[in-house]
Amino acid sequence: MTPFLSLSRLIDTISTWVGKLTMWLILATTLISAGNALVRKAFNQSSNGLLEIQWYLFAAVFMLGAGYGFLKNSHVRIDFISTKLSDRARNWVDVVGIVAVLFPFCAIGIALGWPFFLQAYTSGEMSQNAGGLIRWPAYVLIPLGFGLLMLQGVSELIKRIAFLTGNGPDVLSGEEAKSDEQKHLEELEAQAARLLAGDK
């Protein structure tokens, strides 16, 4: 199991790096959007290329950040059901979900997205808008995003199996299962409670 856990850690590192990159893409999207709006209002000028790069970056954030979201356990769960299950049952649900739903879904996304990207790349497809951008960088996000999500699915499957076989911790319970946002919220609540206690 050790080589698989090492692979899982490597995949987690890749997902973390890509996730941090997408955070910078959000900043870039915001700055480009604000700059484009200011130029349009101040000088009555606009650029279709700048508008389209905003869309490309926005798409990149969602497509490339999906694996990172899975790693951080920030995807949607039906908590009122999962909290009633035992630790082993929750992990079995994830194993079945990853194998029966996530992997086929990602495989379909890659299979449909790759030819779409390849056709746009070989034909040099351009936006129909004047001053628009080439299309393949946006299209490649489809197979790339699903590929990264599938890769993170492999890592999560390894972690679930490691727990079920007694070779690893349960990443679905305790502090490890909490997203960064949940931890931050708990810290804020604790600070607020300390402040209220100090006022009394």
Protein backbone atom coordinates (compact mmCIF):
# COMPACT_ATOMS: atom_id res chain seq x y z
CA MET A 1 0.00 0.00 0.00
CA THR A 2 2.97 2.33 0.62
CA PRO A 3 3.72 2.97 -3.10
CA PHE A 4 0.06 3.84 -3.67
CA LEU A 5 0.04 6.25 -0.74
CA SER A 6 3.20 7.87 -2.16
CA LEU A 7 1.37 8.24 -5.49
CA SER A 8 -1.58 9.77 -3.64
CA ARG A 9 0.70 12.34 -1.98
CA LEU A 10 2.24 13.21 -5.36
CA ILE A 11 -1.20 13.72 -6.91
CA ASP A 12 -2.25 15.84 -3.92
CA THR A 13 0.84 18.00 -4.45
CA ILE A 14 -0.03 18.49 -8.12
CA SER A 15 -3.65 19.37 -7.26
CA THR A 16 -2.50 21.82 -4.60
CA TRP A 17 -0.13 23.53 -7.04
CA VAL A 18 -2.83 23.78 -9.71
CA GLY A 19 -5.35 25.00 -7.12
CA LYS A 20 -3.04 27.80 -6.01
CA LEU A 21 -2.49 28.74 -9.65
CA THR A 22 -6.25 29.07 -10.16
CA MET A 23 -6.40 31.49 -7.22
CA TRP A 24 -4.04 33.79 -9.12
CA LEU A 25 -6.22 33.37 -12.22
CA ILE A 26 -9.14 34.80 -10.22
CA LEU A 27 -7.05 37.89 -9.47
CA ALA A 28 -6.02 38.19 -13.13
CA THR A 29 -9.65 37.89 -14.24
CA THR A 30 -10.70 40.60 -11.79
CA LEU A 31 -7.95 43.00 -12.86
CA ILE A 32 -8.59 42.49 -16.57
CA SER A 33 -12.34 42.92 -16.07
CA ALA A 34 -11.87 46.12 -14.03
CA GLY A 35 -9.32 47.51 -16.51
CA ASN A 36 -11.56 46.78 -19.46
CA ALA A 37 -14.53 48.43 -17.74
CA LEU A 38 -12.48 51.53 -16.87
CA VAL A 39 -11.15 51.91 -20.42
CA ARG A 40 -14.64 51.47 -21.84
CA LYS A 41 -16.13 54.12 -19.54
CA ALA A 42 -13.23 56.59 -19.67
CA PHE A 43 -12.23 56.36 -23.34
CA ASN A 44 -15.25 54.69 -24.94
CA GLN A 45 -12.96 51.91 -26.14
CA SER A 46 -13.34 48.18 -25.73
CA SER A 47 -11.55 45.01 -26.78
CA ASN A 48 -13.21 41.73 -27.67
CA GLY A 49 -9.90 40.04 -26.97
CA LEU A 50 -9.88 41.32 -23.39
CA LEU A 51 -13.51 40.29 -22.93
CA GLU A 52 -12.76 36.80 -24.20
CA ILE A 53 -9.64 36.36 -22.09
CA GLN A 54 -11.85 37.04 -19.05
CA TRP A 55 -14.10 34.17 -20.13
CA TYR A 56 -11.10 31.89 -20.75
CA LEU A 57 -9.64 32.63 -17.32
CA PHE A 58 -13.01 32.20 -15.63
CA ALA A 59 -13.43 28.82 -17.36
CA ALA A 60 -9.89 27.86 -16.32
CA VAL A 61 -10.66 28.56 -12.66
CA PHE A 62 -13.61 26.16 -12.67
CA MET A 63 -12.17 23.44 -14.89
CA LEU A 64 -8.67 23.36 -13.39
CA GLY A 65 -9.80 23.95 -9.81
CA ALA A 66 -12.17 20.96 -9.61
CA GLY A 67 -9.45 18.53 -8.51
CA TYR A 68 -8.26 20.94 -5.83
CA GLY A 69 -11.84 21.29 -4.61
CA PHE A 70 -12.07 17.50 -4.32
CA LEU A 71 -8.77 17.38 -2.43
CA LYS A 72 -9.98 20.02 0.05
CA ASN A 73 -13.33 18.25 0.45
CA SER A 74 -15.14 21.42 -0.60
CA HIS A 75 -17.41 19.68 -3.10
CA VAL A 76 -21.10 19.27 -2.38
CA ARG A 77 -22.03 16.47 -0.02
CA ILE A 78 -25.40 15.50 1.42
CA ASP A 79 -24.25 16.10 4.98
CA PHE A 80 -27.50 15.24 6.72
CA ILE A 81 -27.16 11.71 5.32
CA SER A 82 -23.38 11.24 5.53
CA THR A 83 -23.22 12.36 9.17
CA LYS A 84 -25.59 9.52 10.12
CA LEU A 85 -23.31 6.89 8.54
CA SER A 86 -20.41 5.14 10.22
CA ASP A 87 -16.85 6.04 9.18
CA ARG A 88 -16.52 2.82 7.17
CA ALA A 89 -19.89 3.33 5.47
CA ARG A 90 -18.94 6.91 4.44
CA ASN A 91 -15.71 5.65 2.95
CA TRP A 92 -17.49 2.83 1.10
CA VAL A 93 -19.97 5.35 -0.31
CA ASP A 94 -17.03 7.39 -1.61
CA VAL A 95 -15.33 4.33 -3.11
CA VAL A 96 -18.49 3.39 -5.00
CA GLY A 97 -19.11 7.01 -6.04
CA ILE A 98 -15.56 7.51 -7.32
CA VAL A 99 -15.49 4.24 -9.27
CA ALA A 100 -19.09 4.17 -10.55
CA VAL A 101 -19.77 7.89 -11.08
CA LEU A 102 -16.67 10.10 -11.03
CA PHE A 103 -14.37 7.99 -13.23
CA PRO A 104 -16.97 7.35 -15.98
CA PHE A 105 -18.06 11.01 -15.90
CA CYS A 106 -14.46 12.21 -16.27
CA ALA A 107 -13.75 9.65 -18.99
CA ILE A 108 -16.76 10.89 -20.98
CA GLY A 109 -15.65 14.51 -20.52
CA ILE A 110 -12.14 13.69 -21.76
CA ALA A 111 -13.40 11.57 -24.66
CA LEU A 112 -15.77 14.29 -25.86
CA GLY A 113 -13.50 17.25 -25.10
CA TRP A 114 -10.26 16.02 -26.70
CA PRO A 115 -11.52 15.80 -30.33
CA PHE A 116 -13.22 19.17 -29.86
CA PHE A 117 -9.90 20.72 -28.81
CA LEU A 118 -7.91 18.88 -31.49
CA GLN A 119 -10.18 20.07 -34.29
CA ALA A 120 -9.95 23.69 -33.13
CA TYR A 121 -6.16 23.42 -32.78
CA THR A 122 -5.53 21.90 -36.21
CA SER A 123 -7.95 24.24 -37.98
CA GLY A 124 -6.71 27.35 -36.14
CA GLU A 125 -10.30 28.19 -35.19
CA MET A 126 -10.73 31.84 -34.22
CA SER A 127 -13.47 33.72 -32.46
CA GLN A 128 -16.09 35.17 -34.79
CA ASN A 129 -15.86 38.49 -32.93
CA ALA A 130 -13.58 41.17 -34.36
CA GLY A 131 -10.31 41.15 -32.46
CA GLY A 132 -11.26 37.88 -30.78
CA LEU A 133 -8.91 35.12 -29.69
CA ILE A 134 -8.02 31.67 -30.93
CA ARG A 135 -10.37 29.08 -29.50
CA TRP A 136 -8.22 26.04 -28.70
CA PRO A 137 -6.85 27.36 -25.36
CA ALA A 138 -10.41 27.45 -24.05
CA TYR A 139 -11.27 24.04 -25.51
CA VAL A 140 -8.21 22.31 -24.04
CA LEU A 141 -9.49 23.18 -20.58
CA ILE A 142 -12.24 20.57 -21.00
CA PRO A 143 -10.08 17.41 -21.25
CA LEU A 144 -7.40 18.91 -19.01
CA GLY A 145 -9.85 19.78 -16.25
CA PHE A 146 -11.55 16.38 -16.36
CA GLY A 147 -8.13 14.71 -16.44
CA LEU A 148 -6.99 16.55 -13.31
CA LEU A 149 -10.27 15.74 -11.56
CA MET A 150 -9.90 12.06 -12.47
CA LEU A 151 -6.31 12.10 -11.22
CA GLN A 152 -7.45 13.50 -7.88
CA GLY A 153 -10.14 10.82 -7.87
CA VAL A 154 -7.36 8.21 -8.03
CA SER A 155 -5.70 9.83 -5.00
CA GLU A 156 -8.96 9.95 -3.03
CA LEU A 157 -9.73 6.32 -3.92
CA ILE A 158 -6.30 5.28 -2.61
CA LYS A 159 -6.95 7.15 0.66
CA ARG A 160 -10.38 5.55 1.11
CA ILE A 161 -9.03 2.05 0.45
CA ALA A 162 -6.08 2.69 2.77
CA PHE A 163 -8.49 3.55 5.60
CA LEU A 164 -10.77 0.58 4.88
CA THR A 165 -7.79 -1.81 4.96
CA GLY A 166 -6.33 -0.24 8.11
CA ASN A 167 -3.37 1.35 6.32
CA GLY A 168 -4.28 5.02 6.62
CA PRO A 169 -6.31 7.65 8.48
CA ASP A 170 -9.94 8.48 7.79
CA VAL A 171 -9.73 11.68 5.76
CA LEU A 172 -13.51 12.08 5.96
CA SER A 173 -13.66 12.63 9.71
CA GLY A 174 -12.10 15.05 12.15
CA GLU A 175 -9.89 18.00 11.26
CA GLU A 176 -8.63 16.46 8.04
CA ALA A 177 -12.13 16.45 6.54
CA LYS A 178 -12.74 20.13 7.19
CA SER A 179 -12.24 22.59 4.37
CA ASP A 180 -10.05 25.65 4.89
CA GLU A 181 -13.21 27.76 4.99
CA GLN A 182 -14.72 25.59 7.75
CA LYS A 183 -11.53 25.85 9.82
CA HIS A 184 -11.39 29.62 9.33
CA LEU A 185 -15.05 29.96 10.32
CA GLU A 186 -14.43 27.94 13.47
CA GLU A 187 -11.46 30.15 14.34
CA LEU A 188 -13.62 33.27 13.90
CA GLU A 189 -16.37 31.77 16.06
CA ALA A 190 -13.84 30.91 18.76
CA GLN A 191 -12.44 34.47 18.68
CA ALA A 192 -15.94 35.91 18.88
CA ALA A 193 -16.74 33.67 21.85
CA ARG A 194 -13.56 34.78 23.64
CA LEU A 195 -14.40 38.44 23.00
CA LEU A 196 -17.94 37.98 24.32
CA ALA A 197 -16.63 36.16 27.39
CA GLY A 198 -14.18 39.01 28.01
CA ASP A 199 -16.96 41.61 27.88
CA LYS A 200 -18.95 39.89 30.65
